[in-house]
Amino acid sequence: MPDIQALVSDLASKLRKRRVQGSYETARLTAELLCAVILQHKEPTTNGAASLIEAVRRVGEQLIAANPVELAVGNIVRHVLHIIREEDLSPLTDIVGELKLSAEDDVEDIAEDENSQKSSATTDGCLLKPPLLLAVFEHLPDSATACQTFSSENIFAGKADKSAKKLKSELIKAVNELIEDINTCREGIAEQAMELIHQKYFSTNTQYYILLISEVILTLGHSKFVKEFLCAAKEKKRSFEVFIADGAPKFEGHILAKELDKKGLKAIVITDSAVFAMISRVNMVIVGVHAVMANGGVIAPAGLHVLALAAKKHDVPFVVVASTHELCSLYPHNLEVLLNEMRCPSELLNFEEFSDCIDYGIASSSSLLHVVNPAFDYVPPELISLFVTDIGGYSPSYIYRLIADYYSSEDLPPQQKPAS
């Protein structure tokens, strides 16, 4: 079997060198690596879950440090830690349930014995007399035997030994289900396209006809989630056309336009600066994002904040399509979120044309021309109308409840842990 540290170093190197980008690919590779970590982890005789949590946390710290901007890494690490904690608690819940049932059975047996004794005494025509004190002591078990028989520690120890053997297999099964959810998240999002994109009709007397002018949807850049969502709506015979803001400086909107054209969808490319000019013709804005914050805001490609403001100004619904692995337990004020990836200046300027204006000295400050090319924007929750995820549609105010279902409070950053 491959060495775990070698696998961790390989993925960390890819993250550091930006060979792995995007929440989908990052989440999938992280989950597969953590599955291998759990599979090869040697559990100690005691505190197996605690040892496994520590091993997963160490791997997570290495991956997060390699590229803190890829928030999906931390999302998957914290979710796997949550799975370990849940699986570790499930045997304890079963034990408590079994003990409760056993105690109820004992009470019923005692009640039946008392009733039978009373009935037999009544039949004999005499009253029950309290037993002699000597007889009570004769029937008591030896103190050492009693402690051994009724000690809850022995009961829990036997159950714990049995559950420890199943813990790893249950964890492997749960993490494999997580990987499957990541692989199928696009299909889960696309299934909801029919509910969101509706046909438009006009009436003449009592008959209804499809409007000649289709519904208009606006998006920005290139999102695979948005692409699958729109293609699913096309397959459901929905009639619409798509305005695509080109997403400068990388112009990823051009890629989306070509892909939609191959699928038979009408696409119109506009510049990012034209979103306010075109928003009055739009019925809905649908975008993909980099991460969904715990407060319902999103980290999104640069330019989406302006698009969200335009939609808010003209009362156009602003819909975010995102998978559950993009749900982040962090808030906008966390240090990891405040980091922004500064992309290569060559995406904005041609070095051959501006080489005379740029000083390449590391410590020199004589250059008058500087290039800033941030990758992400922050869009606050008040500008978002709806989240469409692979498990359903939610308002921004509901995101914190989803976060509570996917992550444990013990794994949150120190500043987010509830006060004790």
Protein backbone atom coordinates (compact mmCIF):
# COMPACT_ATOMS: atom_id res chain seq x y z
CA MET A 1 0.00 0.00 0.00
CA PRO A 2 1.27 3.54 -0.74
CA ASP A 3 2.86 5.54 2.03
CA ILE A 4 0.36 8.00 3.51
CA GLN A 5 2.93 10.74 4.09
CA ALA A 6 3.94 10.49 0.44
CA LEU A 7 0.31 10.90 -0.62
CA VAL A 8 -0.13 13.88 1.70
CA SER A 9 3.07 15.53 0.40
CA ASP A 10 1.99 14.94 -3.20
CA LEU A 11 -1.44 16.56 -2.74
CA ALA A 12 0.06 19.41 -0.69
CA SER A 13 2.56 20.04 -3.50
CA LYS A 14 -0.23 20.14 -6.08
CA LEU A 15 -2.21 22.58 -3.96
CA ARG A 16 0.83 24.77 -3.39
CA LYS A 17 1.66 24.89 -7.10
CA ARG A 18 -2.01 25.50 -8.06
CA ARG A 19 -2.16 22.26 -10.04
CA VAL A 20 -5.39 21.47 -8.21
CA GLN A 21 -7.93 24.29 -8.26
CA GLY A 22 -11.66 24.61 -7.80
CA SER A 23 -13.83 23.42 -4.94
CA TYR A 24 -15.05 20.26 -6.71
CA GLU A 25 -11.66 18.75 -7.58
CA THR A 26 -10.10 19.91 -4.31
CA ALA A 27 -12.90 18.40 -2.21
CA ARG A 28 -12.80 15.09 -4.08
CA LEU A 29 -9.04 14.61 -3.77
CA THR A 30 -9.06 15.65 -0.09
CA ALA A 31 -11.84 13.18 0.74
CA GLU A 32 -10.05 10.34 -1.07
CA LEU A 33 -6.82 11.09 0.79
CA LEU A 34 -8.55 11.16 4.18
CA CYS A 35 -10.22 7.86 3.35
CA ALA A 36 -6.76 6.37 2.79
CA VAL A 37 -5.56 7.90 6.07
CA ILE A 38 -8.40 6.22 7.98
CA LEU A 39 -7.86 2.93 6.17
CA GLN A 40 -4.16 2.70 7.06
CA HIS A 41 -4.39 4.20 10.53
CA LYS A 42 -3.38 1.79 13.30
CA GLU A 43 -5.85 2.18 16.11
CA PRO A 44 -4.51 1.94 19.67
CA THR A 45 -6.23 -0.31 22.17
CA THR A 46 -7.80 2.71 23.88
CA ASN A 47 -9.02 6.10 22.59
CA GLY A 48 -9.05 4.88 18.99
CA ALA A 49 -11.34 7.68 17.83
CA ALA A 50 -9.24 10.35 19.54
CA SER A 51 -6.10 9.02 17.87
CA LEU A 52 -7.83 8.99 14.50
CA ILE A 53 -9.12 12.55 14.98
CA GLU A 54 -5.58 13.70 15.74
CA ALA A 55 -4.22 11.95 12.62
CA VAL A 56 -6.86 13.50 10.35
CA ARG A 57 -6.31 16.92 11.93
CA ARG A 58 -2.54 16.75 11.30
CA VAL A 59 -3.10 15.87 7.64
CA GLY A 60 -5.66 18.65 7.34
CA GLU A 61 -3.27 21.22 8.74
CA GLN A 62 -0.65 20.30 6.13
CA LEU A 63 -3.14 20.56 3.27
CA ILE A 64 -4.67 23.82 4.45
CA ALA A 65 -1.23 25.39 4.92
CA ALA A 66 -0.32 24.42 1.34
CA ASN A 67 -3.09 26.64 -0.08
CA PRO A 68 -5.29 28.43 2.49
CA VAL A 69 -7.38 30.00 -0.28
CA GLU A 70 -8.86 26.62 -1.26
CA LEU A 71 -11.48 26.57 1.50
CA ALA A 72 -12.90 23.24 0.31
CA VAL A 73 -9.90 21.48 1.91
CA GLY A 74 -10.86 22.69 5.38
CA ASN A 75 -14.52 21.94 4.69
CA ILE A 76 -13.83 18.28 3.94
CA VAL A 77 -11.38 17.89 6.84
CA ARG A 78 -13.88 19.32 9.33
CA HIS A 79 -16.70 17.21 7.87
CA VAL A 80 -14.64 14.00 8.16
CA LEU A 81 -13.82 14.91 11.77
CA HIS A 82 -17.54 15.36 12.36
CA ILE A 83 -18.18 11.91 10.87
CA ILE A 84 -15.58 10.36 13.21
CA ARG A 85 -17.16 11.99 16.24
CA GLU A 86 -20.64 10.87 15.21
CA GLU A 87 -19.56 7.29 14.55
CA ASP A 88 -17.69 7.21 17.85
CA LEU A 89 -20.81 8.30 19.74
CA SER A 90 -23.22 5.93 18.01
CA PRO A 91 -22.10 2.79 19.94
CA LEU A 92 -22.50 4.70 23.21
CA THR A 93 -26.05 5.60 22.22
CA ASP A 94 -26.76 1.94 21.47
CA ILE A 95 -25.33 0.90 24.86
CA VAL A 96 -27.49 3.42 26.72
CA GLY A 97 -30.53 2.21 24.81
CA GLU A 98 -29.78 -1.42 25.61
CA LEU A 99 -29.25 -0.62 29.30
CA LYS A 100 -32.53 1.28 29.38
CA LEU A 101 -34.39 -1.63 27.81
CA SER A 102 -32.70 -4.06 30.21
CA ALA A 103 -33.70 -1.95 33.21
CA GLU A 104 -37.30 -1.78 32.01
CA ASP A 105 -37.34 -5.57 31.58
CA ASP A 106 -35.98 -6.03 35.12
CA VAL A 107 -38.70 -3.79 36.55
CA GLU A 108 -41.37 -5.77 34.72
CA ASP A 109 -39.89 -9.08 36.00
CA ILE A 110 -39.83 -7.78 39.57
CA ALA A 111 -43.44 -6.63 39.29
CA GLU A 112 -44.49 -10.04 37.93
CA ASP A 113 -42.67 -11.82 40.76
CA GLU A 114 -44.37 -9.66 43.37
CA ASN A 115 -47.77 -10.26 41.83
CA SER A 116 -47.19 -14.01 41.71
CA GLN A 117 -46.05 -14.04 45.35
CA LYS A 118 -49.11 -12.08 46.44
CA SER A 119 -51.42 -14.36 44.55
CA SER A 120 -49.81 -17.50 46.02
CA ALA A 121 -50.04 -16.03 49.55
CA THR A 122 -53.68 -15.24 49.05
CA THR A 123 -54.32 -18.74 47.79
CA ASP A 124 -52.74 -20.25 50.90
CA GLY A 125 -54.99 -18.10 53.04
CA CYS A 126 -52.23 -16.35 54.89
CA LEU A 127 -50.66 -12.92 54.71
CA LEU A 128 -47.16 -12.21 53.40
CA LYS A 129 -44.66 -11.74 56.20
CA PRO A 130 -41.43 -9.75 55.83
CA PRO A 131 -38.40 -12.07 55.52
CA LEU A 132 -36.00 -12.46 58.38
CA LEU A 133 -32.90 -10.26 58.26
CA LEU A 134 -30.64 -13.36 58.29
CA ALA A 135 -32.40 -14.75 55.24
CA VAL A 136 -31.83 -11.48 53.37
CA PHE A 137 -28.09 -11.61 54.04
CA GLU A 138 -27.89 -15.25 53.03
CA HIS A 139 -29.26 -14.44 49.56
CA LEU A 140 -26.97 -11.46 48.95
CA PRO A 141 -24.05 -12.21 46.56
CA ASP A 142 -20.46 -11.85 47.63
CA SER A 143 -19.29 -8.22 47.51
CA ALA A 144 -16.52 -8.90 44.98
CA THR A 145 -18.89 -10.89 42.79
CA ALA A 146 -21.50 -8.15 42.99
CA CYS A 147 -19.06 -5.49 41.92
CA GLN A 148 -17.92 -7.60 39.02
CA THR A 149 -21.47 -8.48 37.99
CA PHE A 150 -23.10 -5.08 38.21
CA SER A 151 -20.18 -2.84 37.31
CA SER A 152 -21.18 -0.64 34.39
CA GLU A 153 -17.53 -0.29 33.47
CA ASN A 154 -17.37 -3.96 32.49
CA ILE A 155 -20.54 -3.64 30.46
CA PHE A 156 -19.26 -0.58 28.60
CA ALA A 157 -15.80 -2.09 28.16
CA GLY A 158 -17.21 -5.17 26.45
CA LYS A 159 -19.33 -3.05 24.16
CA ALA A 160 -16.46 -0.67 23.48
CA ASP A 161 -14.16 -3.51 22.43
CA LYS A 162 -16.82 -4.74 20.08
CA SER A 163 -17.54 -1.27 18.66
CA ALA A 164 -13.84 -0.46 18.21
CA LYS A 165 -13.60 -3.27 15.69
CA LYS A 166 -16.47 -1.80 13.69
CA LEU A 167 -15.42 1.85 13.97
CA LYS A 168 -12.93 1.82 11.10
CA SER A 169 -15.22 -0.05 8.72
CA GLU A 170 -18.10 2.31 9.52
CA LEU A 171 -15.87 5.32 8.96
CA ILE A 172 -14.63 3.98 5.62
CA LYS A 173 -18.23 3.43 4.56
CA ALA A 174 -19.26 6.94 5.64
CA VAL A 175 -16.31 8.67 3.90
CA ASN A 176 -16.97 6.66 0.73
CA GLU A 177 -20.54 7.94 0.84
CA LEU A 178 -19.13 11.46 1.17
CA ILE A 179 -16.96 10.89 -1.93
CA GLU A 180 -19.99 9.60 -3.82
CA ASP A 181 -21.96 12.70 -2.78
CA ILE A 182 -19.18 14.90 -4.13
CA ASN A 183 -19.08 12.98 -7.41
CA THR A 184 -22.84 13.25 -7.91
CA CYS A 185 -23.40 16.77 -6.55
CA ARG A 186 -23.80 18.27 -10.05
CA GLU A 187 -26.63 15.89 -10.87
CA GLY A 188 -28.33 16.75 -7.58
CA ILE A 189 -28.18 20.45 -8.39
CA ALA A 190 -29.30 19.97 -11.99
CA GLU A 191 -32.41 18.05 -10.92
CA GLN A 192 -33.84 21.25 -9.44
CA ALA A 193 -33.58 23.23 -12.68
CA MET A 194 -37.17 22.48 -13.68
CA GLU A 195 -38.46 23.90 -10.40
CA LEU A 196 -36.56 27.17 -10.79
CA ILE A 197 -36.79 27.91 -14.51
CA HIS A 198 -40.43 28.04 -15.60
CA GLN A 199 -42.16 28.30 -18.96
CA LYS A 200 -43.84 31.59 -19.73
CA TYR A 201 -47.27 31.68 -21.33
CA PHE A 202 -49.66 34.27 -22.64
CA SER A 203 -53.40 33.72 -23.10
CA THR A 204 -55.71 34.38 -26.04
CA ASN A 205 -59.30 33.74 -25.00
CA THR A 206 -59.10 30.31 -23.35
CA GLN A 207 -55.97 28.96 -25.05
CA TYR A 208 -52.38 29.28 -23.83
CA TYR A 209 -49.28 29.64 -25.97
CA ILE A 210 -45.59 29.75 -25.18
CA LEU A 211 -44.19 33.26 -25.31
CA LEU A 212 -42.00 33.94 -28.32
CA ILE A 213 -39.57 35.86 -26.11
CA SER A 214 -37.79 33.35 -23.85
CA GLU A 215 -36.82 33.85 -20.24
CA VAL A 216 -33.46 35.59 -19.90
CA ILE A 217 -30.83 34.34 -17.44
CA LEU A 218 -27.60 36.18 -16.65
CA THR A 219 -24.41 34.59 -15.35
CA LEU A 220 -20.74 35.51 -15.07
CA GLY A 221 -17.63 33.57 -15.99
CA HIS A 222 -17.57 29.78 -16.17
CA SER A 223 -19.12 27.53 -13.54
CA LYS A 224 -19.59 23.81 -14.16
CA PHE A 225 -22.50 23.80 -11.72
CA VAL A 226 -24.23 26.56 -13.70
CA LYS A 227 -23.52 24.75 -16.96
CA GLU A 228 -25.07 21.47 -15.73
CA PHE A 229 -28.01 23.40 -14.27
CA LEU A 230 -28.78 25.18 -17.55
CA CYS A 231 -28.29 22.05 -19.65
CA ALA A 232 -30.74 20.16 -17.40
CA ALA A 233 -33.30 22.92 -17.88
CA LYS A 234 -32.81 22.63 -21.64
CA GLU A 235 -33.43 18.88 -21.48
CA LYS A 236 -36.67 19.58 -19.60
CA LYS A 237 -37.85 21.64 -22.59
CA ARG A 238 -37.48 24.96 -20.81
CA SER A 239 -37.21 27.92 -23.18
CA PHE A 240 -34.61 30.54 -22.22
CA GLU A 241 -31.51 32.36 -23.37
CA VAL A 242 -28.37 33.14 -21.43
CA PHE A 243 -26.43 36.38 -21.10
CA ILE A 244 -22.84 35.63 -20.10
CA ALA A 245 -20.56 38.31 -18.64
CA ASP A 246 -17.16 37.35 -20.03
CA GLY A 247 -15.36 37.26 -16.66
CA ALA A 248 -12.29 39.34 -17.44
CA PRO A 249 -9.34 39.09 -17.28
CA LYS A 250 -9.37 35.32 -17.89
CA PHE A 251 -12.52 35.54 -20.03
CA GLU A 252 -13.87 32.22 -18.81
CA GLY A 253 -17.32 33.30 -19.98
CA HIS A 254 -16.15 32.58 -23.53
CA ILE A 255 -15.59 28.94 -22.55
CA LEU A 256 -19.10 28.67 -21.10
CA ALA A 257 -20.60 30.25 -24.22
CA LYS A 258 -18.95 27.64 -26.46
CA GLU A 259 -20.09 24.77 -24.23
CA LEU A 260 -23.68 26.01 -24.15
CA ASP A 261 -23.64 26.48 -27.92
CA LYS A 262 -22.69 22.80 -28.35
CA LYS A 263 -25.70 21.89 -26.20
CA GLY A 264 -28.05 23.92 -28.38
CA LEU A 265 -28.51 26.80 -25.94
CA LYS A 266 -28.67 30.40 -27.11
CA ALA A 267 -25.87 32.38 -25.43
CA ILE A 268 -25.05 36.08 -25.67
CA VAL A 269 -21.65 37.28 -24.41
CA ILE A 270 -21.42 40.72 -22.82
CA THR A 271 -18.63 42.56 -21.04
CA ASP A 272 -18.48 42.69 -17.25
CA SER A 273 -18.96 46.45 -17.35
CA ALA A 274 -22.28 46.03 -19.20
CA VAL A 275 -24.16 44.16 -16.47
CA PHE A 276 -25.95 47.30 -15.24
CA ALA A 277 -26.91 48.18 -18.81
CA MET A 278 -28.36 44.70 -19.50
CA ILE A 279 -29.84 43.80 -16.11
CA SER A 280 -33.24 45.38 -16.90
CA ARG A 281 -33.79 42.69 -19.55
CA VAL A 282 -32.89 39.83 -17.21
CA ASN A 283 -35.40 37.64 -15.34
CA MET A 284 -32.90 35.84 -13.11
CA VAL A 285 -29.20 35.77 -12.22
CA ILE A 286 -27.67 32.31 -11.66
CA VAL A 287 -24.02 32.03 -10.58
CA GLY A 288 -21.54 29.59 -9.12
CA VAL A 289 -19.28 30.49 -6.19
CA HIS A 290 -16.02 29.50 -4.54
CA ALA A 291 -17.38 28.99 -1.00
CA VAL A 292 -20.49 29.65 1.09
CA MET A 293 -19.80 31.30 4.43
CA ALA A 294 -21.50 30.46 7.72
CA ASN A 295 -23.41 33.76 7.70
CA GLY A 296 -24.93 33.11 4.26
CA GLY A 297 -22.47 35.27 2.31
CA VAL A 298 -20.31 33.84 -0.45
CA ILE A 299 -16.74 34.02 -1.70
CA ALA A 300 -17.14 34.32 -5.46
CA PRO A 301 -15.11 35.13 -8.58
CA ALA A 302 -14.14 38.78 -8.87
CA GLY A 303 -16.92 40.83 -10.45
CA LEU A 304 -19.86 39.03 -8.86
CA HIS A 305 -20.37 41.69 -6.19
CA VAL A 306 -21.08 44.27 -8.88
CA LEU A 307 -23.48 41.83 -10.54
CA ALA A 308 -25.24 41.22 -7.22
CA LEU A 309 -25.64 44.97 -6.66
CA ALA A 310 -27.14 45.35 -10.13
CA ALA A 311 -29.60 42.54 -9.46
CA LYS A 312 -30.58 44.06 -6.11
CA LYS A 313 -31.09 47.47 -7.68
CA HIS A 314 -33.49 46.08 -10.31
CA ASP A 315 -35.19 43.48 -8.05
CA VAL A 316 -33.86 40.57 -10.09
CA PRO A 317 -33.52 37.26 -8.17
CA PHE A 318 -29.87 36.43 -7.46
CA VAL A 319 -29.54 32.63 -7.24
CA VAL A 320 -26.38 30.82 -6.12
CA VAL A 321 -25.82 27.19 -7.12
CA ALA A 322 -23.43 25.45 -4.73
CA SER A 323 -22.69 21.97 -3.46
CA THR A 324 -22.69 21.01 0.20
CA HIS A 325 -18.91 20.58 0.12
CA GLU A 326 -18.72 24.34 -0.50
CA LEU A 327 -20.48 25.06 2.80
CA CYS A 328 -17.79 26.61 4.97
CA SER A 329 -17.96 26.91 8.76
CA LEU A 330 -15.88 30.12 8.65
CA TYR A 331 -17.10 33.70 8.74
CA PRO A 332 -15.93 36.61 6.55
CA HIS A 333 -13.78 38.00 9.38
CA ASN A 334 -11.74 34.78 9.75
CA LEU A 335 -8.12 35.02 8.66
CA GLU A 336 -8.51 32.21 6.13
CA VAL A 337 -11.31 34.09 4.39
CA LEU A 338 -9.56 37.47 4.42
CA LEU A 339 -6.82 35.97 2.25
CA ASN A 340 -7.30 36.61 -1.46
CA GLU A 341 -5.42 35.02 -4.29
CA MET A 342 -3.53 37.55 -6.41
CA ARG A 343 -3.24 36.20 -9.91
CA CYS A 344 -0.52 36.84 -12.44
CA PRO A 345 -0.31 40.47 -13.68
CA SER A 346 0.18 39.17 -17.24
CA GLU A 347 -3.57 38.47 -17.36
CA LEU A 348 -4.08 42.24 -17.31
CA LEU A 349 -1.02 43.70 -19.00
CA ASN A 350 1.34 42.59 -21.70
CA PHE A 351 4.86 42.68 -20.27
CA GLU A 352 6.33 43.53 -23.66
CA GLU A 353 4.26 46.72 -23.85
CA PHE A 354 4.65 47.80 -20.21
CA SER A 355 8.14 46.57 -19.38
CA ASP A 356 9.46 50.16 -19.22
CA CYS A 357 6.88 51.07 -16.56
CA ILE A 358 7.42 48.13 -14.21
CA ASP A 359 10.36 47.79 -11.84
CA TYR A 360 11.26 44.12 -11.30
CA GLY A 361 13.45 44.78 -8.26
CA ILE A 362 12.28 42.94 -5.16
CA ALA A 363 13.11 45.65 -2.63
CA SER A 364 12.78 48.62 -4.93
CA SER A 365 9.79 50.97 -4.80
CA SER A 366 10.67 53.25 -7.69
CA SER A 367 8.05 51.75 -10.04
CA LEU A 368 4.99 53.92 -10.65
CA LEU A 369 2.92 51.13 -12.22
CA HIS A 370 1.55 48.33 -10.05
CA VAL A 371 -0.82 45.56 -11.10
CA VAL A 372 -3.39 44.10 -8.71
CA ASN A 373 -5.39 41.11 -9.97
CA PRO A 374 -7.54 39.62 -7.15
CA ALA A 375 -9.33 36.36 -7.81
CA PHE A 376 -12.31 36.66 -5.45
CA ASP A 377 -15.10 38.94 -4.28
CA TYR A 378 -17.23 38.73 -1.16
CA VAL A 379 -21.01 38.95 -1.66
CA PRO A 380 -22.97 39.57 1.58
CA PRO A 381 -26.12 37.52 2.32
CA GLU A 382 -28.50 40.45 1.91
CA LEU A 383 -27.74 40.48 -1.84
CA ILE A 384 -28.55 36.77 -2.30
CA SER A 385 -32.09 35.53 -2.93
CA LEU A 386 -31.69 31.75 -2.88
CA PHE A 387 -29.16 28.93 -2.57
CA VAL A 388 -29.69 25.88 -4.77
CA THR A 389 -27.69 22.93 -3.41
CA ASP A 390 -27.60 19.21 -4.14
CA ILE A 391 -29.85 18.63 -1.12
CA GLY A 392 -32.42 21.35 -1.84
CA GLY A 393 -33.03 25.08 -1.96
CA TYR A 394 -32.38 27.32 1.05
CA SER A 395 -32.45 30.98 1.97
CA PRO A 396 -29.23 32.65 3.22
CA SER A 397 -30.62 32.77 6.76
CA TYR A 398 -30.84 28.95 6.85
CA ILE A 399 -27.18 28.29 6.02
CA TYR A 400 -26.06 28.33 9.66
CA ARG A 401 -28.34 25.35 10.37
CA LEU A 402 -26.78 23.36 7.53
CA ILE A 403 -23.36 24.22 8.94
CA ALA A 404 -24.40 22.77 12.32
CA ASP A 405 -25.41 19.52 10.60
CA TYR A 406 -22.10 19.13 8.75
CA TYR A 407 -19.51 20.25 11.31
CA SER A 408 -18.82 19.82 15.03
CA SER A 409 -18.23 22.80 17.30
CA GLU A 410 -14.98 21.20 18.56
CA ASP A 411 -13.45 21.61 15.09
CA LEU A 412 -14.36 25.26 14.56
CA PRO A 413 -11.69 27.98 14.76
CA PRO A 414 -11.05 29.21 18.34
CA GLN A 415 -12.82 32.52 17.79
CA GLN A 416 -16.00 30.71 16.64
CA LYS A 417 -16.31 28.17 19.43
CA PRO A 418 -19.26 28.86 21.73
CA ALA A 419 -18.30 30.35 25.08
CA SER A 420 -18.12 27.78 27.88
